[in-house]
Amino acid sequence: MVKALGIFSGGLDSILAALLLRRQGIEVYCICFTSPFFDCDKARSAAQRYDLPLQVMDIGPEHLQMVKNPRYGYGRNMNPCIDCHAQMFEFAGKVMQEQGYDFLFSGEVLGQRPKSQNQTALMAVNKASTWAGKILRPLSAKLLPVTPIEEAGLVDREQLLDIQGRSRKAQEQLAAELGVTDYPSSGGGCVLTENSFSGRLKDLFAHNPECGTYDIELLKLGRPFRLSTAAKLTLGRNRSSNEALKRLAGESGLLLRCCNFSGPLGVISGDAQADDLARGAAIVASYGKGAQQEQVEVLLSCAGEQQILTVEPMPRAEAQAMLL
């Protein structure tokens, strides 16, 4: 029995690619990757719905290092799609080799994304991943060069497709044919494609090139304020955001919270000095219920130690000028 391993996002294209190969009698398995920039929620749901065996691999640290310096550059925002796809195929290829699959596949469609899914880009992904002869794109295979996979008779090229472009009509027709009735809308899922997040990420890379996955998670959880070139404050947006920030920061995090008024939780990151702490506390006070008070006590806690900072709430316009 031929066994194939597919990079699986849970979107319509990846579902169709998997089911198209399974219709040929190929034993189909899927792999989904997680990083601070995307998760596997859609993949898990779709894999369960269509009975596709799925394994999940966290590539956060390696993916972050690639995002900092992608060989093929970024898209419209901070999305290095060519490098990202190549890295996923690189990891998937190692799993293929270790677990005994015959080839890799994905739901990529020729021309669906002008920069990252044109033929040159797809071939660049193959080469950069080091698994060029083991990668199949079933939905557009008839428009691409014949692969060693097809030459070896592992798949029937005649049963593969020639979908191209940004229209979804061909996929929707195939979905109806294969009984796929429940699938997520196209797009989304990766915060690197979002304009607001990309701006914050550029600031982080500029001020802290050695940042890790913890710093990326902070970017996703609250309002970020640039306190100085070395320090940043992340302010919770609501109760659930406050709780998520507290969990992320853990016992060693540097936390700020108003003592006598309700309000958001603040987390300081970077190499904070006394001025940064005072500035951060003033912002926390500004967004709390005591914003109109002349002075507010803010509790600073870190690693079991606590200190009270008495500050004047920062004028909201001044605080917003520091918002990233």
C-alpha atoms as a PDB file:
ATOM      1  CA  MET A   1       0.000   0.000   0.000  1.00  0.00           C
ATOM      2  CA  VAL A   2       1.310   3.440  -1.000  1.00  0.00           C
ATOM      3  CA  LYS A   3       1.470   5.819   1.977  1.00  0.00           C
ATOM      4  CA  ALA A   4       1.475   9.619   1.642  1.00  0.00           C
ATOM      5  CA  LEU A   5       2.023  12.333   4.246  1.00  0.00           C
ATOM      6  CA  GLY A   6       0.288  15.659   3.645  1.00  0.00           C
ATOM      7  CA  ILE A   7       0.916  19.085   5.119  1.00  0.00           C
ATOM      8  CA  PHE A   8      -2.552  19.814   6.435  1.00  0.00           C
ATOM      9  CA  SER A   9      -4.029  23.163   7.469  1.00  0.00           C
ATOM     10  CA  GLY A  10      -7.648  22.062   7.679  1.00  0.00           C
ATOM     11  CA  GLY A  11      -8.626  24.465   4.893  1.00  0.00           C
ATOM     12  CA  LEU A  12     -10.603  23.328   1.857  1.00  0.00           C
ATOM     13  CA  ASP A  13      -7.577  22.842  -0.400  1.00  0.00           C
ATOM     14  CA  SER A  14      -5.729  20.597   2.027  1.00  0.00           C
ATOM     15  CA  ILE A  15      -8.887  18.558   2.673  1.00  0.00           C
ATOM     16  CA  LEU A  16      -9.463  18.075  -1.063  1.00  0.00           C
ATOM     17  CA  ALA A  17      -5.844  17.100  -1.742  1.00  0.00           C
ATOM     18  CA  ALA A  18      -6.010  14.424   0.950  1.00  0.00           C
ATOM     19  CA  LEU A  19      -9.361  13.024  -0.190  1.00  0.00           C
ATOM     20  CA  LEU A  20      -8.343  13.087  -3.855  1.00  0.00           C
ATOM     21  CA  LEU A  21      -5.367  10.845  -3.101  1.00  0.00           C
ATOM     22  CA  ARG A  22      -7.394   8.625  -0.810  1.00  0.00           C
ATOM     23  CA  ARG A  23      -9.863   8.104  -3.660  1.00  0.00           C
ATOM     24  CA  GLN A  24      -6.967   6.555  -5.598  1.00  0.00           C
ATOM     25  CA  GLY A  25      -6.497   3.973  -2.862  1.00  0.00           C
ATOM     26  CA  ILE A  26      -3.496   5.704  -1.318  1.00  0.00           C
ATOM     27  CA  GLU A  27      -3.142   5.496   2.452  1.00  0.00           C
ATOM     28  CA  VAL A  28      -3.243   9.148   3.476  1.00  0.00           C
ATOM     29  CA  TYR A  29      -1.810  10.637   6.665  1.00  0.00           C
ATOM     30  CA  CYS A  30      -1.523  14.299   7.613  1.00  0.00           C
ATOM     31  CA  ILE A  31       0.771  16.531   9.611  1.00  0.00           C
ATOM     32  CA  CYS A  32       0.086  19.996  10.975  1.00  0.00           C
ATOM     33  CA  PHE A  33       2.691  22.404  12.334  1.00  0.00           C
ATOM     34  CA  THR A  34       2.242  24.909  15.140  1.00  0.00           C
ATOM     35  CA  SER A  35       4.221  28.016  16.016  1.00  0.00           C
ATOM     36  CA  PRO A  36       3.448  31.256  17.853  1.00  0.00           C
ATOM     37  CA  PHE A  37       2.064  32.534  14.542  1.00  0.00           C
ATOM     38  CA  PHE A  38      -0.500  29.793  13.817  1.00  0.00           C
ATOM     39  CA  ASP A  39      -2.178  26.828  15.485  1.00  0.00           C
ATOM     40  CA  CYS A  40      -3.789  23.544  14.460  1.00  0.00           C
ATOM     41  CA  ASP A  41      -7.377  24.062  15.599  1.00  0.00           C
ATOM     42  CA  LYS A  42      -8.824  23.969  12.080  1.00  0.00           C
ATOM     43  CA  ALA A  43      -6.640  21.014  11.132  1.00  0.00           C
ATOM     44  CA  ARG A  44      -7.722  18.965  14.126  1.00  0.00           C
ATOM     45  CA  SER A  45     -11.383  19.648  13.469  1.00  0.00           C
ATOM     46  CA  ALA A  46     -11.183  18.836   9.747  1.00  0.00           C
ATOM     47  CA  ALA A  47      -9.054  15.720  10.266  1.00  0.00           C
ATOM     48  CA  GLN A  48     -11.594  14.335  12.706  1.00  0.00           C
ATOM     49  CA  ARG A  49     -14.504  15.201  10.436  1.00  0.00           C
ATOM     50  CA  TYR A  50     -13.026  13.461   7.387  1.00  0.00           C
ATOM     51  CA  ASP A  51     -11.304  10.615   9.209  1.00  0.00           C
ATOM     52  CA  LEU A  52      -7.764  11.675   8.337  1.00  0.00           C
ATOM     53  CA  PRO A  53      -4.994  10.544  10.733  1.00  0.00           C
ATOM     54  CA  LEU A  54      -3.231  13.674  11.968  1.00  0.00           C
ATOM     55  CA  GLN A  55      -0.043  14.324  13.894  1.00  0.00           C
ATOM     56  CA  VAL A  56       0.925  17.751  15.237  1.00  0.00           C
ATOM     57  CA  MET A  57       4.464  19.114  15.479  1.00  0.00           C
ATOM     58  CA  ASP A  58       5.521  22.286  17.293  1.00  0.00           C
ATOM     59  CA  ILE A  59       8.206  24.106  15.274  1.00  0.00           C
ATOM     60  CA  GLY A  60       7.980  27.400  17.169  1.00  0.00           C
ATOM     61  CA  PRO A  61      11.656  28.209  17.858  1.00  0.00           C
ATOM     62  CA  GLU A  62      12.848  27.095  14.409  1.00  0.00           C
ATOM     63  CA  HIS A  63      10.013  28.909  12.674  1.00  0.00           C
ATOM     64  CA  LEU A  64      10.708  32.132  14.580  1.00  0.00           C
ATOM     65  CA  GLN A  65      14.375  32.047  13.567  1.00  0.00           C
ATOM     66  CA  MET A  66      13.335  31.706   9.926  1.00  0.00           C
ATOM     67  CA  VAL A  67      10.814  34.564  10.194  1.00  0.00           C
ATOM     68  CA  LYS A  68      13.576  36.859  11.448  1.00  0.00           C
ATOM     69  CA  ASN A  69      15.662  36.345   8.310  1.00  0.00           C
ATOM     70  CA  PRO A  70      13.789  34.653   5.444  1.00  0.00           C
ATOM     71  CA  ARG A  71      15.826  33.813   2.367  1.00  0.00           C
ATOM     72  CA  TYR A  72      13.015  34.751  -0.028  1.00  0.00           C
ATOM     73  CA  GLY A  73      11.755  37.765   1.903  1.00  0.00           C
ATOM     74  CA  TYR A  74       8.288  38.752   3.041  1.00  0.00           C
ATOM     75  CA  GLY A  75       4.927  39.151   1.372  1.00  0.00           C
ATOM     76  CA  ARG A  76       2.708  42.186   1.839  1.00  0.00           C
ATOM     77  CA  ASN A  77       3.244  42.028   5.596  1.00  0.00           C
ATOM     78  CA  MET A  78       5.688  39.951   7.668  1.00  0.00           C
ATOM     79  CA  ASN A  79       4.678  36.687   6.007  1.00  0.00           C
ATOM     80  CA  PRO A  80       7.643  34.779   4.519  1.00  0.00           C
ATOM     81  CA  CYS A  81       5.390  32.280   2.736  1.00  0.00           C
ATOM     82  CA  ILE A  82       7.966  30.684   0.434  1.00  0.00           C
ATOM     83  CA  ASP A  83      10.424  30.080   3.267  1.00  0.00           C
ATOM     84  CA  CYS A  84       7.592  28.939   5.533  1.00  0.00           C
ATOM     85  CA  HIS A  85       6.331  26.334   3.067  1.00  0.00           C
ATOM     86  CA  ALA A  86       9.875  25.133   2.447  1.00  0.00           C
ATOM     87  CA  GLN A  87      10.510  24.750   6.164  1.00  0.00           C
ATOM     88  CA  MET A  88       7.309  22.783   6.624  1.00  0.00           C
ATOM     89  CA  PHE A  89       8.245  20.426   3.802  1.00  0.00           C
ATOM     90  CA  GLU A  90      11.729  20.098   5.308  1.00  0.00           C
ATOM     91  CA  PHE A  91      10.287  18.956   8.641  1.00  0.00           C
ATOM     92  CA  ALA A  92       7.634  16.809   6.969  1.00  0.00           C
ATOM     93  CA  GLY A  93      10.337  15.140   4.865  1.00  0.00           C
ATOM     94  CA  LYS A  94      12.185  14.049   7.982  1.00  0.00           C
ATOM     95  CA  VAL A  95       8.974  12.585   9.382  1.00  0.00           C
ATOM     96  CA  MET A  96       8.359  10.863   6.040  1.00  0.00           C
ATOM     97  CA  GLN A  97      11.784   9.289   6.197  1.00  0.00           C
ATOM     98  CA  GLU A  98      11.499   8.244   9.838  1.00  0.00           C
ATOM     99  CA  GLN A  99       7.970   6.837   9.614  1.00  0.00           C
ATOM    100  CA  GLY A 100       8.116   5.228   6.196  1.00  0.00           C
ATOM    101  CA  TYR A 101       5.847   7.294   3.953  1.00  0.00           C
ATOM    102  CA  ASP A 102       6.377   7.200   0.192  1.00  0.00           C
ATOM    103  CA  PHE A 103       5.934  10.897  -0.617  1.00  0.00           C
ATOM    104  CA  LEU A 104       4.687  14.272   0.615  1.00  0.00           C
ATOM    105  CA  PHE A 105       1.773  16.335  -0.642  1.00  0.00           C
ATOM    106  CA  SER A 106       0.002  19.632   0.022  1.00  0.00           C
ATOM    107  CA  GLY A 107      -3.134  21.472  -1.046  1.00  0.00           C
ATOM    108  CA  GLU A 108      -1.232  24.285  -2.756  1.00  0.00           C
ATOM    109  CA  VAL A 109      -2.896  25.577  -5.933  1.00  0.00           C
ATOM    110  CA  LEU A 110      -0.904  27.114  -8.776  1.00  0.00           C
ATOM    111  CA  GLY A 111      -1.545  30.865  -8.990  1.00  0.00           C
ATOM    112  CA  GLN A 112      -3.818  31.064  -5.970  1.00  0.00           C
ATOM    113  CA  ARG A 113      -1.336  33.399  -4.290  1.00  0.00           C
ATOM    114  CA  PRO A 114       0.583  35.407  -6.901  1.00  0.00           C
ATOM    115  CA  LYS A 115       3.894  35.606  -5.029  1.00  0.00           C
ATOM    116  CA  SER A 116       4.137  32.342  -3.111  1.00  0.00           C
ATOM    117  CA  GLN A 117       2.248  29.946  -5.388  1.00  0.00           C
ATOM    118  CA  ASN A 118       3.452  30.739  -8.874  1.00  0.00           C
ATOM    119  CA  GLN A 119       5.443  28.008 -10.568  1.00  0.00           C
ATOM    120  CA  THR A 120       8.813  29.589  -9.805  1.00  0.00           C
ATOM    121  CA  ALA A 121       7.906  29.892  -6.122  1.00  0.00           C
ATOM    122  CA  LEU A 122       6.670  26.302  -5.922  1.00  0.00           C
ATOM    123  CA  MET A 123       9.885  25.025  -7.449  1.00  0.00           C
ATOM    124  CA  ALA A 124      11.871  27.219  -5.032  1.00  0.00           C
ATOM    125  CA  VAL A 125       9.982  25.614  -2.149  1.00  0.00           C
ATOM    126  CA  ASN A 126      10.858  22.179  -3.477  1.00  0.00           C
ATOM    127  CA  LYS A 127      14.541  23.011  -3.759  1.00  0.00           C
ATOM    128  CA  ALA A 128      14.829  24.805  -0.422  1.00  0.00           C
ATOM    129  CA  SER A 129      13.086  21.958   1.413  1.00  0.00           C
ATOM    130  CA  THR A 130      15.661  19.432   0.023  1.00  0.00           C
ATOM    131  CA  TRP A 131      12.776  17.019  -0.796  1.00  0.00           C
ATOM    132  CA  ALA A 132      12.090  18.177  -4.373  1.00  0.00           C
ATOM    133  CA  GLY A 133      11.537  14.693  -5.801  1.00  0.00           C
ATOM    134  CA  LYS A 134       9.138  13.713  -3.039  1.00  0.00           C
ATOM    135  CA  ILE A 135       6.591  16.559  -3.202  1.00  0.00           C
ATOM    136  CA  LEU A 136       3.236  16.323  -5.006  1.00  0.00           C
ATOM    137  CA  ARG A 137       0.545  18.990  -5.358  1.00  0.00           C
ATOM    138  CA  PRO A 138      -2.514  16.963  -6.407  1.00  0.00           C
ATOM    139  CA  LEU A 139      -4.837  19.882  -7.143  1.00  0.00           C
ATOM    140  CA  SER A 140      -2.512  21.430  -9.755  1.00  0.00           C
ATOM    141  CA  ALA A 141      -0.301  18.465 -10.696  1.00  0.00           C
ATOM    142  CA  LYS A 142      -1.302  18.433 -14.374  1.00  0.00           C
ATOM    143  CA  LEU A 143      -0.030  21.994 -14.757  1.00  0.00           C
ATOM    144  CA  LEU A 144       3.318  21.214 -13.132  1.00  0.00           C
ATOM    145  CA  PRO A 145       6.254  19.090 -14.285  1.00  0.00           C
ATOM    146  CA  VAL A 146       5.790  15.343 -13.902  1.00  0.00           C
ATOM    147  CA  THR A 147       7.254  14.240 -10.578  1.00  0.00           C
ATOM    148  CA  PRO A 148       9.291  11.108  -9.800  1.00  0.00           C
ATOM    149  CA  ILE A 149       6.272  10.100  -7.700  1.00  0.00           C
ATOM    150  CA  GLU A 150       4.114   9.900 -10.826  1.00  0.00           C
ATOM    151  CA  GLU A 151       6.884   8.350 -12.914  1.00  0.00           C
ATOM    152  CA  ALA A 152       7.240   5.566 -10.354  1.00  0.00           C
ATOM    153  CA  GLY A 153       3.526   4.809 -10.570  1.00  0.00           C
ATOM    154  CA  LEU A 154       2.828   5.691  -6.950  1.00  0.00           C
ATOM    155  CA  VAL A 155      -0.041   7.896  -8.125  1.00  0.00           C
ATOM    156  CA  ASP A 156      -2.110   8.038 -11.307  1.00  0.00           C
ATOM    157  CA  ARG A 157      -1.464  11.412 -12.936  1.00  0.00           C
ATOM    158  CA  GLU A 158      -4.707  11.121 -14.895  1.00  0.00           C
ATOM    159  CA  GLN A 159      -6.652  11.265 -11.642  1.00  0.00           C
ATOM    160  CA  LEU A 160      -4.866  14.428 -10.513  1.00  0.00           C
ATOM    161  CA  LEU A 161      -6.156  17.894 -11.369  1.00  0.00           C
ATOM    162  CA  ASP A 162      -5.297  21.120 -13.199  1.00  0.00           C
ATOM    163  CA  ILE A 163      -6.786  23.760 -10.890  1.00  0.00           C
ATOM    164  CA  GLN A 164      -5.185  27.183 -10.998  1.00  0.00           C
ATOM    165  CA  GLY A 165      -5.901  30.789 -10.075  1.00  0.00           C
ATOM    166  CA  ARG A 166      -7.743  32.491  -7.251  1.00  0.00           C
ATOM    167  CA  SER A 167     -11.281  31.399  -8.097  1.00  0.00           C
ATOM    168  CA  ARG A 168     -12.713  28.780  -5.760  1.00  0.00           C
ATOM    169  CA  LYS A 169     -15.311  27.379  -8.170  1.00  0.00           C
ATOM    170  CA  ALA A 170     -13.298  24.289  -9.136  1.00  0.00           C
ATOM    171  CA  GLN A 171     -12.627  23.469  -5.480  1.00  0.00           C
ATOM    172  CA  GLU A 172     -16.277  23.951  -4.582  1.00  0.00           C
ATOM    173  CA  GLN A 173     -17.348  21.583  -7.371  1.00  0.00           C
ATOM    174  CA  LEU A 174     -14.788  19.002  -6.247  1.00  0.00           C
ATOM    175  CA  ALA A 175     -15.945  19.403  -2.651  1.00  0.00           C
ATOM    176  CA  ALA A 176     -19.497  18.572  -3.670  1.00  0.00           C
ATOM    177  CA  GLU A 177     -18.238  15.544  -5.627  1.00  0.00           C
ATOM    178  CA  LEU A 178     -16.219  14.252  -2.657  1.00  0.00           C
ATOM    179  CA  GLY A 179     -18.916  14.939  -0.076  1.00  0.00           C
ATOM    180  CA  VAL A 180     -17.087  17.787   1.602  1.00  0.00           C
ATOM    181  CA  THR A 181     -19.834  20.019   2.941  1.00  0.00           C
ATOM    182  CA  ASP A 182     -18.306  21.586   6.036  1.00  0.00           C
ATOM    183  CA  TYR A 183     -15.081  23.550   5.702  1.00  0.00           C
ATOM    184  CA  PRO A 184     -13.690  26.917   6.865  1.00  0.00           C
ATOM    185  CA  SER A 185     -13.628  29.992   4.659  1.00  0.00           C
ATOM    186  CA  SER A 186     -10.386  30.678   2.821  1.00  0.00           C
ATOM    187  CA  GLY A 187      -7.652  32.863   4.290  1.00  0.00           C
ATOM    188  CA  GLY A 188      -6.758  33.698   7.862  1.00  0.00           C
ATOM    189  CA  GLY A 189      -5.047  31.547  10.407  1.00  0.00           C
ATOM    190  CA  CYS A 190      -1.585  33.122  10.299  1.00  0.00           C
ATOM    191  CA  VAL A 191      -1.069  36.379  12.184  1.00  0.00           C
ATOM    192  CA  LEU A 192       1.968  37.183  10.012  1.00  0.00           C
ATOM    193  CA  THR A 193      -0.440  38.206   7.251  1.00  0.00           C
ATOM    194  CA  GLU A 194      -2.134  40.790   9.480  1.00  0.00           C
ATOM    195  CA  ASN A 195      -1.073  44.405   9.064  1.00  0.00           C
ATOM    196  CA  SER A 196      -1.413  45.447  12.727  1.00  0.00           C
ATOM    197  CA  PHE A 197       0.462  42.414  14.044  1.00  0.00           C
ATOM    198  CA  SER A 198       3.214  42.840  11.459  1.00  0.00           C
ATOM    199  CA  GLY A 199       3.848  46.401  12.607  1.00  0.00           C
ATOM    200  CA  ARG A 200       4.262  45.218  16.188  1.00  0.00           C
ATOM    201  CA  LEU A 201       6.524  42.390  15.099  1.00  0.00           C
ATOM    202  CA  LYS A 202       8.782  44.779  13.162  1.00  0.00           C
ATOM    203  CA  ASP A 203       9.126  46.889  16.309  1.00  0.00           C
ATOM    204  CA  LEU A 204       9.999  43.803  18.350  1.00  0.00           C
ATOM    205  CA  PHE A 205      12.635  42.604  15.886  1.00  0.00           C
ATOM    206  CA  ALA A 206      14.140  46.104  15.705  1.00  0.00           C
ATOM    207  CA  HIS A 207      14.450  46.508  19.480  1.00  0.00           C
ATOM    208  CA  ASN A 208      15.014  42.890  20.493  1.00  0.00           C
ATOM    209  CA  PRO A 209      16.544  40.821  17.674  1.00  0.00           C
ATOM    210  CA  GLU A 210      17.107  37.927  20.090  1.00  0.00           C
ATOM    211  CA  CYS A 211      13.435  37.727  21.049  1.00  0.00           C
ATOM    212  CA  GLY A 212      11.919  34.301  21.626  1.00  0.00           C
ATOM    213  CA  THR A 213       8.523  32.677  21.387  1.00  0.00           C
ATOM    214  CA  TYR A 214       7.499  34.195  24.763  1.00  0.00           C
ATOM    215  CA  ASP A 215       7.818  37.675  23.256  1.00  0.00           C
ATOM    216  CA  ILE A 216       5.671  36.672  20.280  1.00  0.00           C
ATOM    217  CA  GLU A 217       2.951  35.316  22.556  1.00  0.00           C
ATOM    218  CA  LEU A 218       2.915  38.642  24.411  1.00  0.00           C
ATOM    219  CA  LEU A 219       2.286  40.440  21.118  1.00  0.00           C
ATOM    220  CA  LYS A 220      -0.875  38.406  20.608  1.00  0.00           C
ATOM    221  CA  LEU A 221      -2.389  38.869  24.047  1.00  0.00           C
ATOM    222  CA  GLY A 222      -2.749  42.567  24.738  1.00  0.00           C
ATOM    223  CA  ARG A 223      -1.998  46.189  23.914  1.00  0.00           C
ATOM    224  CA  PRO A 224       1.770  46.697  23.493  1.00  0.00           C
ATOM    225  CA  PHE A 225       3.407  49.970  24.584  1.00  0.00           C
ATOM    226  CA  ARG A 226       7.014  50.863  23.796  1.00  0.00           C
ATOM    227  CA  LEU A 227       8.412  52.193  27.108  1.00  0.00           C
ATOM    228  CA  SER A 228      11.989  52.650  25.872  1.00  0.00           C
ATOM    229  CA  THR A 229      14.358  51.114  23.369  1.00  0.00           C
ATOM    230  CA  ALA A 230      14.929  48.257  25.831  1.00  0.00           C
ATOM    231  CA  ALA A 231      11.541  47.675  27.468  1.00  0.00           C
ATOM    232  CA  LYS A 232       7.912  47.144  26.560  1.00  0.00           C
ATOM    233  CA  LEU A 233       4.603  46.926  28.424  1.00  0.00           C
ATOM    234  CA  THR A 234       1.814  44.558  27.385  1.00  0.00           C
ATOM    235  CA  LEU A 235      -1.559  45.581  28.804  1.00  0.00           C
ATOM    236  CA  GLY A 236      -4.515  43.224  29.093  1.00  0.00           C
ATOM    237  CA  ARG A 237      -7.644  44.137  27.124  1.00  0.00           C
ATOM    238  CA  ASN A 238     -10.232  42.345  29.280  1.00  0.00           C
ATOM    239  CA  ARG A 239     -10.523  39.716  32.006  1.00  0.00           C
ATOM    240  CA  SER A 240      -9.674  36.764  29.759  1.00  0.00           C
ATOM    241  CA  SER A 241      -6.712  38.666  28.325  1.00  0.00           C
ATOM    242  CA  ASN A 242      -5.492  39.493  31.838  1.00  0.00           C
ATOM    243  CA  GLU A 243      -5.717  35.852  32.855  1.00  0.00           C
ATOM    244  CA  ALA A 244      -3.888  34.697  29.722  1.00  0.00           C
ATOM    245  CA  LEU A 245      -1.108  37.223  30.336  1.00  0.00           C
ATOM    246  CA  LYS A 246      -0.770  36.093  33.953  1.00  0.00           C
ATOM    247  CA  ARG A 247      -0.503  32.443  32.889  1.00  0.00           C
ATOM    248  CA  LEU A 248       2.055  33.262  30.214  1.00  0.00           C
ATOM    249  CA  ALA A 249       4.221  35.417  32.488  1.00  0.00           C
ATOM    250  CA  GLY A 250       4.215  32.775  35.241  1.00  0.00           C
ATOM    251  CA  GLU A 251       6.077  33.182  38.498  1.00  0.00           C
ATOM    252  CA  SER A 252       9.068  34.910  36.916  1.00  0.00           C
ATOM    253  CA  GLY A 253       7.085  37.532  35.002  1.00  0.00           C
ATOM    254  CA  LEU A 254       7.191  41.200  35.929  1.00  0.00           C
ATOM    255  CA  LEU A 255       3.553  42.155  36.594  1.00  0.00           C
ATOM    256  CA  LEU A 256       1.838  45.486  37.289  1.00  0.00           C
ATOM    257  CA  ARG A 257      -1.659  45.956  38.672  1.00  0.00           C
ATOM    258  CA  CYS A 258      -3.508  48.748  40.471  1.00  0.00           C
ATOM    259  CA  CYS A 259      -3.868  48.097  44.198  1.00  0.00           C
ATOM    260  CA  ASN A 260      -7.154  49.852  45.005  1.00  0.00           C
ATOM    261  CA  PHE A 261      -8.905  50.074  41.647  1.00  0.00           C
ATOM    262  CA  SER A 262      -9.978  47.507  39.096  1.00  0.00           C
ATOM    263  CA  GLY A 263      -8.182  47.610  35.763  1.00  0.00           C
ATOM    264  CA  PRO A 264      -5.906  45.746  33.387  1.00  0.00           C
ATOM    265  CA  LEU A 265      -2.878  43.628  34.173  1.00  0.00           C
ATOM    266  CA  GLY A 266       0.419  44.825  32.730  1.00  0.00           C
ATOM    267  CA  VAL A 267       3.431  42.683  31.887  1.00  0.00           C
ATOM    268  CA  ILE A 268       6.857  44.292  31.449  1.00  0.00           C
ATOM    269  CA  SER A 269       9.285  42.621  29.059  1.00  0.00           C
ATOM    270  CA  GLY A 270      12.810  43.428  27.994  1.00  0.00           C
ATOM    271  CA  ASP A 271      15.581  45.023  30.039  1.00  0.00           C
ATOM    272  CA  ALA A 272      13.449  47.369  32.137  1.00  0.00           C
ATOM    273  CA  GLN A 273      15.018  50.118  34.223  1.00  0.00           C
ATOM    274  CA  ALA A 274      13.431  52.137  37.048  1.00  0.00           C
ATOM    275  CA  ASP A 275      12.098  54.757  34.612  1.00  0.00           C
ATOM    276  CA  ASP A 276      10.500  52.013  32.511  1.00  0.00           C
ATOM    277  CA  LEU A 277       8.760  50.548  35.548  1.00  0.00           C
ATOM    278  CA  ALA A 278       7.423  53.950  36.610  1.00  0.00           C
ATOM    279  CA  ARG A 279       6.234  54.679  33.064  1.00  0.00           C
ATOM    280  CA  GLY A 280       4.587  51.275  32.802  1.00  0.00           C
ATOM    281  CA  ALA A 281       2.853  51.723  36.142  1.00  0.00           C
ATOM    282  CA  ALA A 282       1.547  55.132  35.046  1.00  0.00           C
ATOM    283  CA  ILE A 283       0.038  53.542  31.914  1.00  0.00           C
ATOM    284  CA  VAL A 284      -1.564  50.747  33.952  1.00  0.00           C
ATOM    285  CA  ALA A 285      -3.070  53.420  36.215  1.00  0.00           C
ATOM    286  CA  SER A 286      -4.286  55.377  33.201  1.00  0.00           C
ATOM    287  CA  TYR A 287      -6.323  52.412  31.922  1.00  0.00           C
ATOM    288  CA  GLY A 288      -7.757  51.514  35.348  1.00  0.00           C
ATOM    289  CA  LYS A 289     -10.779  52.832  37.234  1.00  0.00           C
ATOM    290  CA  GLY A 290      -8.536  55.235  39.129  1.00  0.00           C
ATOM    291  CA  ALA A 291      -7.476  57.119  36.004  1.00  0.00           C
ATOM    292  CA  GLN A 292      -8.923  60.403  37.328  1.00  0.00           C
ATOM    293  CA  GLN A 293      -7.102  60.211  40.658  1.00  0.00           C
ATOM    294  CA  GLU A 294      -4.094  62.407  41.346  1.00  0.00           C
ATOM    295  CA  GLN A 295      -2.047  59.377  42.414  1.00  0.00           C
ATOM    296  CA  VAL A 296      -2.568  55.634  42.241  1.00  0.00           C
ATOM    297  CA  GLU A 297      -0.742  52.793  43.956  1.00  0.00           C
ATOM    298  CA  VAL A 298       0.390  50.099  41.526  1.00  0.00           C
ATOM    299  CA  LEU A 299       1.601  46.712  42.728  1.00  0.00           C
ATOM    300  CA  LEU A 300       4.785  45.493  41.081  1.00  0.00           C
ATOM    301  CA  SER A 301       5.362  41.750  41.526  1.00  0.00           C
ATOM    302  CA  CYS A 302       8.046  39.394  40.250  1.00  0.00           C
ATOM    303  CA  ALA A 303       9.286  35.994  41.449  1.00  0.00           C
ATOM    304  CA  GLY A 304       7.392  36.220  44.725  1.00  0.00           C
ATOM    305  CA  GLU A 305       8.637  39.714  45.592  1.00  0.00           C
ATOM    306  CA  GLN A 306       6.338  42.739  45.644  1.00  0.00           C
ATOM    307  CA  GLN A 307       6.743  46.502  45.660  1.00  0.00           C
ATOM    308  CA  ILE A 308       4.280  49.404  45.628  1.00  0.00           C
ATOM    309  CA  LEU A 309       4.823  52.162  43.067  1.00  0.00           C
ATOM    310  CA  THR A 310       2.879  55.364  43.672  1.00  0.00           C
ATOM    311  CA  VAL A 311       2.342  57.113  40.337  1.00  0.00           C
ATOM    312  CA  GLU A 312       0.298  59.785  38.643  1.00  0.00           C
ATOM    313  CA  PRO A 313      -1.891  58.165  35.949  1.00  0.00           C
ATOM    314  CA  MET A 314      -0.446  59.027  32.546  1.00  0.00           C
ATOM    315  CA  PRO A 315      -2.698  61.224  30.379  1.00  0.00           C
ATOM    316  CA  ARG A 316      -4.449  58.914  27.950  1.00  0.00           C
ATOM    317  CA  ALA A 317      -3.212  60.783  24.862  1.00  0.00           C
ATOM    318  CA  GLU A 318       0.376  60.447  26.063  1.00  0.00           C
ATOM    319  CA  ALA A 319      -0.096  56.752  26.711  1.00  0.00           C
ATOM    320  CA  GLN A 320      -1.680  56.155  23.320  1.00  0.00           C
ATOM    321  CA  ALA A 321       1.264  57.854  21.653  1.00  0.00           C
ATOM    322  CA  MET A 322       3.399  54.977  22.986  1.00  0.00           C
ATOM    323  CA  LEU A 323       0.986  52.302  21.743  1.00  0.00           C
ATOM    324  CA  LEU A 324       2.388  50.139  18.968  1.00  0.00           C
END
